[in-house]
Every structure is written in structure tokens, then in C-alpha cells.
Amino acid sequence: MERNPYAPPVTQGVTPQDITFLRDAVPRPIAAWIFLIVLSPCMAFFAFNAARLLWAVLSHRDAIRSGVGVAVAIAWQLFLVAILLCLAIGIYRGARWARWLGVAAILAFAAFSVLRTDTTHYANEAQSAGGFIGKLFVIPLLFAWWAYAIGFSPKAKRYFSQHKQNEA
């Protein structure tokens, strides 16, 4: 009897449980990768601001009248870094709580982008209308897709629910 050349090769040492585990592993959604990429510069920004504020305080300590306000500002920056770091680790590991915190963070990004003051100077009314449409329609739609993709899509639900045995 000849061997079928199109049949997969026979492997040694692989059990049916290994094949089931590999088949059931859910890859990380692209929205989660995008979220991790966006969180990295945000964490770096807040950490840099905390370090810069601390450096300013240390170099001008005799001119500071209220140390409480400065301490609160530095603590707030470091708190944001810690929250974003915990969120990034949770998204990377697929923790169920990180899914909802990620959706809340995306909604906060969306609110910031829509509600911030627009200081852009446009050359004409057409560019101004394009900026207005982009700010109030296109950007919120992109954030809505992103929130759906990380929190409510079937792939995200599978990814974030596969680790429920580890959390219990």
C-alpha cells in the first residue's frame, strides 16, 4: 500500500488534547493590538509629564508655596500611568475586566477628541467644513467601531472569555 502524498505527516508525541488546545486558542483581535499601540505613547506621555514636573519641583523648591498641590499633580500623573499599565497588561493577557475598562477608555478618548477646543486655522470654508465633519462624524464613527471591535465583536468575546478559568 502506497502512502498518500497529500496526507499530513505523522507526528510523534502530539496527543489529541494538544491539538484541541491549539485549535481552541483564540488570537488577539486587531482592535486589541491597536489599543496596546495607542496606550504605549499615552503611558510614555504621562510618565514624561510626571518626571518633568518632578524635575521642575526639585530645581525650584524654594519658590514653591504649596507642596500639596504639586504632590497631588505628580500623584495624579503617576496614577494615570499605573492605570494605563494595568489596562495594557489586562488587554494583553485577555482579562475579562480589561475588555470593559478598554471600552471605557476608548469612550474617554472619543469624548476628548470631540469636546476639545479646536484651534486649527483653515484657509477657507471648505476646509473648515471638512474639519467639522471629520471631528463630529468621522472620528466618532471610528471610535464607535473600535469600541465595538474590542468589546462586543464575536472575536473579542471569544478572546476575553477564554481566560475565565484563570481569573476564578
N, C-alpha and C. Protein backbone atom coordinates (compact mmCIF):
# COMPACT_ATOMS: atom_id res chain seq x y z
N MET A 1 0.84 -1.18 0.00
CA MET A 1 0.00 0.00 0.00
C MET A 1 0.88 1.24 0.00
N GLU A 2 0.64 2.13 -0.93
CA GLU A 2 1.45 3.33 -1.04
C GLU A 2 0.87 4.44 -0.16
N ARG A 3 1.77 5.30 0.26
CA ARG A 3 1.35 6.43 1.11
C ARG A 3 0.78 7.54 0.24
N ASN A 4 -0.29 8.17 0.73
CA ASN A 4 -0.92 9.28 0.03
C ASN A 4 -0.03 10.51 0.18
N PRO A 5 0.45 11.12 -0.91
CA PRO A 5 1.34 12.28 -0.78
C PRO A 5 0.63 13.52 -0.24
N TYR A 6 -0.69 13.55 -0.26
CA TYR A 6 -1.45 14.70 0.21
C TYR A 6 -1.87 14.57 1.67
N ALA A 7 -1.60 13.46 2.29
CA ALA A 7 -1.94 13.25 3.69
C ALA A 7 -0.93 14.01 4.56
N PRO A 8 -1.37 14.55 5.70
CA PRO A 8 -0.42 15.25 6.59
C PRO A 8 0.58 14.25 7.17
N PRO A 9 1.76 14.72 7.48
CA PRO A 9 2.76 13.81 8.06
C PRO A 9 2.34 13.35 9.45
N VAL A 10 2.79 12.19 9.80
CA VAL A 10 2.51 11.63 11.11
C VAL A 10 3.50 12.24 12.10
N THR A 11 2.98 12.80 13.18
CA THR A 11 3.84 13.43 14.18
C THR A 11 3.90 12.54 15.40
N GLN A 12 5.03 12.58 16.05
CA GLN A 12 5.24 11.79 17.25
C GLN A 12 5.11 12.68 18.48
N GLY A 13 4.46 12.19 19.51
CA GLY A 13 4.39 12.90 20.78
C GLY A 13 3.28 13.93 20.88
N VAL A 14 2.41 14.06 19.91
CA VAL A 14 1.31 15.01 19.98
C VAL A 14 0.04 14.25 20.33
N THR A 15 -0.58 14.65 21.43
CA THR A 15 -1.80 13.98 21.87
C THR A 15 -3.02 14.72 21.33
N PRO A 16 -4.17 14.08 21.31
CA PRO A 16 -5.38 14.78 20.86
C PRO A 16 -5.71 16.00 21.72
N GLN A 17 -5.32 15.99 23.01
CA GLN A 17 -5.57 17.14 23.86
C GLN A 17 -4.74 18.35 23.40
N ASP A 18 -3.52 18.10 22.93
CA ASP A 18 -2.69 19.19 22.42
C ASP A 18 -3.33 19.82 21.19
N ILE A 19 -3.86 19.00 20.31
CA ILE A 19 -4.48 19.52 19.09
C ILE A 19 -5.73 20.31 19.45
N THR A 20 -6.51 19.85 20.41
CA THR A 20 -7.71 20.56 20.84
C THR A 20 -7.34 21.91 21.45
N PHE A 21 -6.29 21.94 22.26
CA PHE A 21 -5.86 23.20 22.87
C PHE A 21 -5.42 24.19 21.81
N LEU A 22 -4.65 23.75 20.82
CA LEU A 22 -4.18 24.64 19.78
C LEU A 22 -5.34 25.15 18.92
N ARG A 23 -6.32 24.30 18.68
CA ARG A 23 -7.45 24.70 17.85
C ARG A 23 -8.33 25.70 18.60
N ASP A 24 -8.44 25.57 19.92
CA ASP A 24 -9.32 26.43 20.71
C ASP A 24 -8.69 27.77 21.08
N ALA A 25 -7.38 27.92 20.91
CA ALA A 25 -6.73 29.19 21.25
C ALA A 25 -7.22 30.27 20.29
N VAL A 26 -7.66 31.38 20.86
CA VAL A 26 -8.22 32.47 20.06
C VAL A 26 -7.15 33.55 19.92
N PRO A 27 -6.87 33.98 18.70
CA PRO A 27 -5.87 35.04 18.54
C PRO A 27 -6.41 36.38 19.06
N ARG A 28 -5.48 37.24 19.41
CA ARG A 28 -5.84 38.56 19.92
C ARG A 28 -6.44 39.38 18.78
N PRO A 29 -7.57 40.03 19.01
CA PRO A 29 -8.19 40.84 17.95
C PRO A 29 -7.30 42.02 17.55
N ILE A 30 -7.43 42.45 16.32
CA ILE A 30 -6.63 43.58 15.83
C ILE A 30 -6.95 44.84 16.61
N ALA A 31 -8.19 44.98 17.08
CA ALA A 31 -8.55 46.15 17.88
C ALA A 31 -7.76 46.18 19.20
N ALA A 32 -7.48 45.00 19.76
CA ALA A 32 -6.69 44.95 20.98
C ALA A 32 -5.24 45.36 20.70
N TRP A 33 -4.69 44.92 19.55
CA TRP A 33 -3.34 45.33 19.18
C TRP A 33 -3.28 46.85 18.98
N ILE A 34 -4.27 47.40 18.31
CA ILE A 34 -4.32 48.85 18.10
C ILE A 34 -4.40 49.57 19.44
N PHE A 35 -5.20 49.02 20.35
CA PHE A 35 -5.35 49.63 21.67
C PHE A 35 -4.01 49.61 22.42
N LEU A 36 -3.30 48.49 22.35
CA LEU A 36 -2.00 48.41 23.02
C LEU A 36 -1.00 49.39 22.40
N ILE A 37 -1.07 49.57 21.08
CA ILE A 37 -0.16 50.51 20.42
C ILE A 37 -0.49 51.95 20.82
N VAL A 38 -1.77 52.26 21.00
CA VAL A 38 -2.16 53.62 21.40
C VAL A 38 -1.84 53.86 22.87
N LEU A 39 -1.97 52.84 23.71
CA LEU A 39 -1.71 53.02 25.14
C LEU A 39 -0.23 53.29 25.43
N SER A 40 0.66 52.75 24.64
CA SER A 40 2.09 52.92 24.91
C SER A 40 2.51 54.38 24.88
N PRO A 41 2.19 55.16 23.83
CA PRO A 41 2.57 56.58 23.89
C PRO A 41 1.83 57.37 24.97
N CYS A 42 0.60 56.95 25.28
CA CYS A 42 -0.13 57.64 26.36
C CYS A 42 0.58 57.45 27.69
N MET A 43 1.01 56.22 27.95
CA MET A 43 1.75 55.97 29.19
C MET A 43 3.06 56.74 29.20
N ALA A 44 3.75 56.76 28.07
CA ALA A 44 5.01 57.50 28.00
C ALA A 44 4.78 59.00 28.20
N PHE A 45 3.69 59.52 27.65
CA PHE A 45 3.37 60.94 27.80
C PHE A 45 3.14 61.30 29.27
N PHE A 46 2.32 60.51 29.97
CA PHE A 46 2.04 60.81 31.37
C PHE A 46 3.27 60.60 32.25
N ALA A 47 4.07 59.58 31.96
CA ALA A 47 5.30 59.36 32.73
C ALA A 47 6.29 60.51 32.50
N PHE A 48 6.41 60.95 31.26
CA PHE A 48 7.31 62.08 30.95
C PHE A 48 6.83 63.34 31.65
N ASN A 49 5.52 63.59 31.65
CA ASN A 49 5.00 64.78 32.33
C ASN A 49 5.25 64.72 33.83
N ALA A 50 5.07 63.54 34.43
CA ALA A 50 5.34 63.40 35.87
C ALA A 50 6.82 63.65 36.16
N ALA A 51 7.70 63.11 35.33
CA ALA A 51 9.14 63.32 35.54
C ALA A 51 9.52 64.78 35.34
N ARG A 52 8.93 65.42 34.33
CA ARG A 52 9.22 66.83 34.07
C ARG A 52 8.73 67.72 35.22
N LEU A 53 7.54 67.40 35.74
CA LEU A 53 7.01 68.16 36.87
C LEU A 53 7.87 67.95 38.11
N LEU A 54 8.28 66.73 38.34
CA LEU A 54 9.15 66.44 39.49
C LEU A 54 10.48 67.16 39.36
N TRP A 55 11.04 67.19 38.15
CA TRP A 55 12.29 67.90 37.92
C TRP A 55 12.12 69.40 38.17
N ALA A 56 11.00 69.97 37.72
CA ALA A 56 10.75 71.40 37.96
C ALA A 56 10.61 71.69 39.44
N VAL A 57 9.95 70.79 40.16
CA VAL A 57 9.79 70.98 41.61
C VAL A 57 11.14 70.91 42.31
N LEU A 58 11.96 69.94 41.95
CA LEU A 58 13.25 69.79 42.60
C LEU A 58 14.20 70.94 42.27
N SER A 59 14.10 71.49 41.08
CA SER A 59 15.01 72.57 40.72
C SER A 59 14.56 73.93 41.26
N HIS A 60 13.27 74.07 41.59
CA HIS A 60 12.75 75.34 42.12
C HIS A 60 12.03 75.14 43.45
N ARG A 61 12.60 74.35 44.33
CA ARG A 61 11.88 74.04 45.58
C ARG A 61 11.71 75.26 46.47
N ASP A 62 12.60 76.21 46.41
CA ASP A 62 12.45 77.38 47.29
C ASP A 62 11.33 78.31 46.82
N ALA A 63 10.91 78.24 45.58
CA ALA A 63 9.85 79.11 45.06
C ALA A 63 8.46 78.50 45.21
N ILE A 64 8.37 77.25 45.64
CA ILE A 64 7.07 76.58 45.75
C ILE A 64 6.43 76.95 47.08
N ARG A 65 5.20 77.42 46.99
CA ARG A 65 4.49 77.82 48.21
C ARG A 65 3.62 76.70 48.76
N SER A 66 2.99 75.93 47.87
CA SER A 66 2.12 74.85 48.30
C SER A 66 2.64 73.52 47.76
N GLY A 67 3.17 72.73 48.63
CA GLY A 67 3.68 71.42 48.22
C GLY A 67 2.57 70.41 48.00
N VAL A 68 1.39 70.68 48.58
CA VAL A 68 0.28 69.74 48.45
C VAL A 68 -0.22 69.70 47.01
N GLY A 69 -0.36 70.86 46.40
CA GLY A 69 -0.84 70.91 45.02
C GLY A 69 0.11 70.22 44.07
N VAL A 70 1.40 70.41 44.26
CA VAL A 70 2.40 69.77 43.42
C VAL A 70 2.39 68.26 43.64
N ALA A 71 2.27 67.84 44.89
CA ALA A 71 2.24 66.41 45.18
C ALA A 71 1.01 65.75 44.57
N VAL A 72 -0.12 66.44 44.62
CA VAL A 72 -1.34 65.90 44.01
C VAL A 72 -1.17 65.79 42.50
N ALA A 73 -0.57 66.79 41.88
CA ALA A 73 -0.36 66.75 40.43
C ALA A 73 0.55 65.61 40.02
N ILE A 74 1.64 65.42 40.75
CA ILE A 74 2.56 64.31 40.44
C ILE A 74 1.89 62.98 40.70
N ALA A 75 1.17 62.87 41.82
CA ALA A 75 0.48 61.63 42.13
C ALA A 75 -0.58 61.30 41.08
N TRP A 76 -1.28 62.31 40.56
CA TRP A 76 -2.29 62.10 39.52
C TRP A 76 -1.64 61.56 38.25
N GLN A 77 -0.52 62.13 37.85
CA GLN A 77 0.18 61.65 36.65
C GLN A 77 0.64 60.21 36.83
N LEU A 78 1.20 59.90 37.98
CA LEU A 78 1.67 58.53 38.23
C LEU A 78 0.50 57.55 38.34
N PHE A 79 -0.62 58.00 38.88
CA PHE A 79 -1.82 57.17 38.94
C PHE A 79 -2.31 56.82 37.54
N LEU A 80 -2.32 57.80 36.65
CA LEU A 80 -2.73 57.54 35.26
C LEU A 80 -1.79 56.55 34.58
N VAL A 81 -0.50 56.67 34.83
CA VAL A 81 0.47 55.72 34.26
C VAL A 81 0.18 54.32 34.79
N ALA A 82 -0.07 54.20 36.09
CA ALA A 82 -0.34 52.88 36.68
C ALA A 82 -1.63 52.27 36.13
N ILE A 83 -2.68 53.08 35.99
CA ILE A 83 -3.94 52.57 35.45
C ILE A 83 -3.76 52.11 34.02
N LEU A 84 -3.09 52.91 33.20
CA LEU A 84 -2.88 52.53 31.80
C LEU A 84 -1.99 51.30 31.68
N LEU A 85 -1.00 51.17 32.55
CA LEU A 85 -0.15 49.98 32.54
C LEU A 85 -0.94 48.73 32.92
N CYS A 86 -1.77 48.84 33.96
CA CYS A 86 -2.62 47.70 34.34
C CYS A 86 -3.59 47.34 33.22
N LEU A 87 -4.13 48.34 32.56
CA LEU A 87 -5.04 48.10 31.44
C LEU A 87 -4.32 47.41 30.29
N ALA A 88 -3.12 47.86 29.97
CA ALA A 88 -2.35 47.24 28.88
C ALA A 88 -2.03 45.78 29.21
N ILE A 89 -1.64 45.50 30.44
CA ILE A 89 -1.36 44.12 30.84
C ILE A 89 -2.62 43.28 30.79
N GLY A 90 -3.74 43.84 31.24
CA GLY A 90 -5.01 43.11 31.20
C GLY A 90 -5.46 42.82 29.79
N ILE A 91 -5.33 43.77 28.88
CA ILE A 91 -5.70 43.55 27.48
C ILE A 91 -4.78 42.49 26.87
N TYR A 92 -3.50 42.58 27.16
CA TYR A 92 -2.54 41.62 26.60
C TYR A 92 -2.84 40.20 27.07
N ARG A 93 -3.20 40.06 28.33
CA ARG A 93 -3.48 38.73 28.87
C ARG A 93 -4.90 38.26 28.60
N GLY A 94 -5.77 39.15 28.15
CA GLY A 94 -7.14 38.77 27.84
C GLY A 94 -8.05 38.71 29.05
N ALA A 95 -7.79 39.54 30.04
CA ALA A 95 -8.62 39.56 31.24
C ALA A 95 -10.00 40.13 30.92
N ARG A 96 -11.03 39.56 31.53
CA ARG A 96 -12.40 39.99 31.23
C ARG A 96 -12.65 41.43 31.66
N TRP A 97 -12.10 41.85 32.78
CA TRP A 97 -12.30 43.21 33.26
C TRP A 97 -11.65 44.23 32.32
N ALA A 98 -10.57 43.83 31.65
CA ALA A 98 -9.85 44.75 30.76
C ALA A 98 -10.68 45.08 29.53
N ARG A 99 -11.54 44.17 29.13
CA ARG A 99 -12.42 44.43 27.99
C ARG A 99 -13.31 45.64 28.26
N TRP A 100 -13.91 45.66 29.44
CA TRP A 100 -14.83 46.77 29.77
C TRP A 100 -14.08 48.05 30.10
N LEU A 101 -12.95 47.93 30.75
CA LEU A 101 -12.14 49.11 31.01
C LEU A 101 -11.58 49.68 29.71
N GLY A 102 -11.28 48.81 28.76
CA GLY A 102 -10.83 49.25 27.45
C GLY A 102 -11.92 50.01 26.71
N VAL A 103 -13.15 49.52 26.77
CA VAL A 103 -14.26 50.23 26.14
C VAL A 103 -14.45 51.60 26.80
N ALA A 104 -14.34 51.66 28.12
CA ALA A 104 -14.47 52.95 28.82
C ALA A 104 -13.34 53.90 28.42
N ALA A 105 -12.13 53.38 28.26
CA ALA A 105 -11.00 54.23 27.85
C ALA A 105 -11.20 54.74 26.42
N ILE A 106 -11.72 53.89 25.54
CA ILE A 106 -11.98 54.34 24.16
C ILE A 106 -13.05 55.41 24.16
N LEU A 107 -14.08 55.25 24.98
CA LEU A 107 -15.12 56.29 25.07
C LEU A 107 -14.54 57.59 25.62
N ALA A 108 -13.59 57.49 26.55
CA ALA A 108 -12.94 58.70 27.07
C ALA A 108 -12.10 59.36 25.97
N PHE A 109 -11.38 58.57 25.17
CA PHE A 109 -10.63 59.12 24.04
C PHE A 109 -11.58 59.83 23.07
N ALA A 110 -12.73 59.20 22.80
CA ALA A 110 -13.70 59.78 21.87
C ALA A 110 -14.26 61.09 22.42
N ALA A 111 -14.59 61.09 23.70
CA ALA A 111 -15.12 62.32 24.30
C ALA A 111 -14.08 63.43 24.25
N PHE A 112 -12.84 63.09 24.54
CA PHE A 112 -11.77 64.10 24.48
C PHE A 112 -11.61 64.65 23.07
N SER A 113 -11.64 63.77 22.07
CA SER A 113 -11.41 64.24 20.70
C SER A 113 -12.57 65.09 20.19
N VAL A 114 -13.79 64.83 20.65
CA VAL A 114 -14.94 65.60 20.19
C VAL A 114 -15.10 66.89 20.99
N LEU A 115 -14.85 66.86 22.28
CA LEU A 115 -15.12 68.01 23.13
C LEU A 115 -13.96 68.99 23.27
N ARG A 116 -12.79 68.62 22.81
CA ARG A 116 -11.65 69.54 22.96
C ARG A 116 -11.82 70.76 22.07
N THR A 117 -11.20 71.83 22.45
CA THR A 117 -11.28 73.07 21.69
C THR A 117 -10.46 72.94 20.41
N ASP A 118 -11.07 73.28 19.30
CA ASP A 118 -10.39 73.20 18.02
C ASP A 118 -9.74 74.54 17.72
N THR A 119 -8.42 74.57 17.69
CA THR A 119 -7.69 75.81 17.44
C THR A 119 -7.09 75.84 16.04
N THR A 120 -7.53 74.94 15.18
CA THR A 120 -6.99 74.87 13.83
C THR A 120 -7.50 76.04 13.00
N HIS A 121 -6.60 76.65 12.24
CA HIS A 121 -6.97 77.74 11.34
C HIS A 121 -7.01 77.18 9.92
N TYR A 122 -8.16 77.28 9.29
CA TYR A 122 -8.34 76.75 7.95
C TYR A 122 -8.21 77.88 6.93
N ALA A 123 -7.78 77.52 5.73
CA ALA A 123 -7.58 78.51 4.67
C ALA A 123 -8.90 79.01 4.09
N ASN A 124 -9.92 78.14 4.06
CA ASN A 124 -11.21 78.57 3.50
C ASN A 124 -12.34 77.81 4.18
N GLU A 125 -13.56 78.10 3.77
CA GLU A 125 -14.74 77.50 4.39
C GLU A 125 -14.87 76.01 4.07
N ALA A 126 -14.40 75.58 2.92
CA ALA A 126 -14.48 74.17 2.56
C ALA A 126 -13.61 73.33 3.50
N GLN A 127 -12.42 73.79 3.79
CA GLN A 127 -11.56 73.08 4.73
C GLN A 127 -12.16 73.10 6.14
N SER A 128 -12.76 74.21 6.51
CA SER A 128 -13.41 74.30 7.81
C SER A 128 -14.57 73.31 7.92
N ALA A 129 -15.37 73.20 6.84
CA ALA A 129 -16.48 72.24 6.85
C ALA A 129 -15.96 70.81 6.91
N GLY A 130 -14.87 70.52 6.21
CA GLY A 130 -14.27 69.19 6.26
C GLY A 130 -13.77 68.85 7.65
N GLY A 131 -13.15 69.82 8.31
CA GLY A 131 -12.70 69.60 9.69
C GLY A 131 -13.87 69.37 10.63
N PHE A 132 -14.94 70.12 10.43
CA PHE A 132 -16.14 69.96 11.26
C PHE A 132 -16.76 68.57 11.06
N ILE A 133 -16.89 68.13 9.81
CA ILE A 133 -17.46 66.81 9.52
C ILE A 133 -16.56 65.72 10.08
N GLY A 134 -15.26 65.89 9.92
CA GLY A 134 -14.33 64.90 10.47
C GLY A 134 -14.40 64.80 11.97
N LYS A 135 -14.47 65.96 12.63
CA LYS A 135 -14.48 65.98 14.10
C LYS A 135 -15.78 65.43 14.68
N LEU A 136 -16.90 65.76 14.08
CA LEU A 136 -18.17 65.38 14.68
C LEU A 136 -18.80 64.12 14.09
N PHE A 137 -18.32 63.63 12.95
CA PHE A 137 -18.94 62.45 12.35
C PHE A 137 -17.95 61.32 12.11
N VAL A 138 -16.83 61.60 11.44
CA VAL A 138 -15.91 60.53 11.05
C VAL A 138 -15.17 59.98 12.27
N ILE A 139 -14.58 60.84 13.06
CA ILE A 139 -13.81 60.39 14.23
C ILE A 139 -14.71 59.63 15.22
N PRO A 140 -15.91 60.13 15.57
CA PRO A 140 -16.77 59.33 16.46
C PRO A 140 -17.17 57.97 15.87
N LEU A 141 -17.36 57.90 14.55
CA LEU A 141 -17.67 56.61 13.94
C LEU A 141 -16.49 55.64 14.05
N LEU A 142 -15.29 56.15 13.87
CA LEU A 142 -14.11 55.30 14.03
C LEU A 142 -13.96 54.81 15.48
N PHE A 143 -14.20 55.71 16.42
CA PHE A 143 -14.13 55.30 17.83
C PHE A 143 -15.24 54.30 18.16
N ALA A 144 -16.42 54.48 17.57
CA ALA A 144 -17.52 53.54 17.80
C ALA A 144 -17.16 52.16 17.26
N TRP A 145 -16.55 52.11 16.06
CA TRP A 145 -16.12 50.82 15.53
C TRP A 145 -15.08 50.19 16.44
N TRP A 146 -14.14 51.00 16.91
CA TRP A 146 -13.07 50.49 17.77
C TRP A 146 -13.65 49.93 19.07
N ALA A 147 -14.59 50.66 19.68
CA ALA A 147 -15.21 50.18 20.92
C ALA A 147 -15.99 48.89 20.66
N TYR A 148 -16.69 48.81 19.53
CA TYR A 148 -17.40 47.57 19.19
C TYR A 148 -16.41 46.43 18.99
N ALA A 149 -15.33 46.69 18.28
CA ALA A 149 -14.37 45.64 17.96
C ALA A 149 -13.64 45.11 19.18
N ILE A 150 -13.44 45.95 20.19
CA ILE A 150 -12.71 45.47 21.37
C ILE A 150 -13.65 44.97 22.47
N GLY A 151 -14.92 45.37 22.41
CA GLY A 151 -15.80 44.98 23.50
C GLY A 151 -16.95 44.08 23.13
N PHE A 152 -17.44 44.16 21.90
CA PHE A 152 -18.69 43.48 21.59
C PHE A 152 -18.62 42.56 20.39
N SER A 153 -17.53 42.57 19.64
CA SER A 153 -17.45 41.70 18.46
C SER A 153 -17.33 40.24 18.90
N PRO A 154 -17.76 39.30 18.07
CA PRO A 154 -17.64 37.88 18.44
C PRO A 154 -16.19 37.45 18.70
N LYS A 155 -15.25 37.98 17.92
CA LYS A 155 -13.85 37.61 18.14
C LYS A 155 -13.34 38.12 19.49
N ALA A 156 -13.73 39.34 19.86
CA ALA A 156 -13.32 39.90 21.15
C ALA A 156 -13.97 39.13 22.30
N LYS A 157 -15.24 38.76 22.12
CA LYS A 157 -15.91 37.98 23.17
C LYS A 157 -15.21 36.65 23.39
N ARG A 158 -14.82 35.99 22.29
CA ARG A 158 -14.10 34.71 22.43
C ARG A 158 -12.74 34.93 23.09
N TYR A 159 -12.03 35.98 22.68
CA TYR A 159 -10.69 36.22 23.22
C TYR A 159 -10.74 36.53 24.71
N PHE A 160 -11.66 37.38 25.12
CA PHE A 160 -11.71 37.77 26.53
C PHE A 160 -12.41 36.74 27.39
N SER A 161 -13.15 35.79 26.83
CA SER A 161 -13.79 34.77 27.64
C SER A 161 -12.96 33.51 27.75
N GLN A 162 -11.90 33.37 26.97
CA GLN A 162 -11.10 32.14 27.02
C GLN A 162 -10.27 32.06 28.30
N HIS A 163 -10.10 33.15 29.00
CA HIS A 163 -9.27 33.15 30.21
C HIS A 163 -10.09 33.15 31.49
N LYS A 164 -11.35 32.80 31.43
CA LYS A 164 -12.19 32.88 32.63
C LYS A 164 -11.80 31.82 33.66
N GLN A 165 -11.16 30.72 33.24
CA GLN A 165 -10.73 29.73 34.23
C GLN A 165 -9.59 30.28 35.07
N ASN A 166 -8.74 31.12 34.49
CA ASN A 166 -7.59 31.66 35.22
C ASN A 166 -7.99 32.72 36.23
N GLU A 167 -9.10 33.43 35.98
CA GLU A 167 -9.48 34.52 36.86
C GLU A 167 -10.26 34.03 38.08
N ALA A 168 -10.91 32.89 37.99
CA ALA A 168 -11.76 32.42 39.08
C ALA A 168 -10.96 31.89 40.23
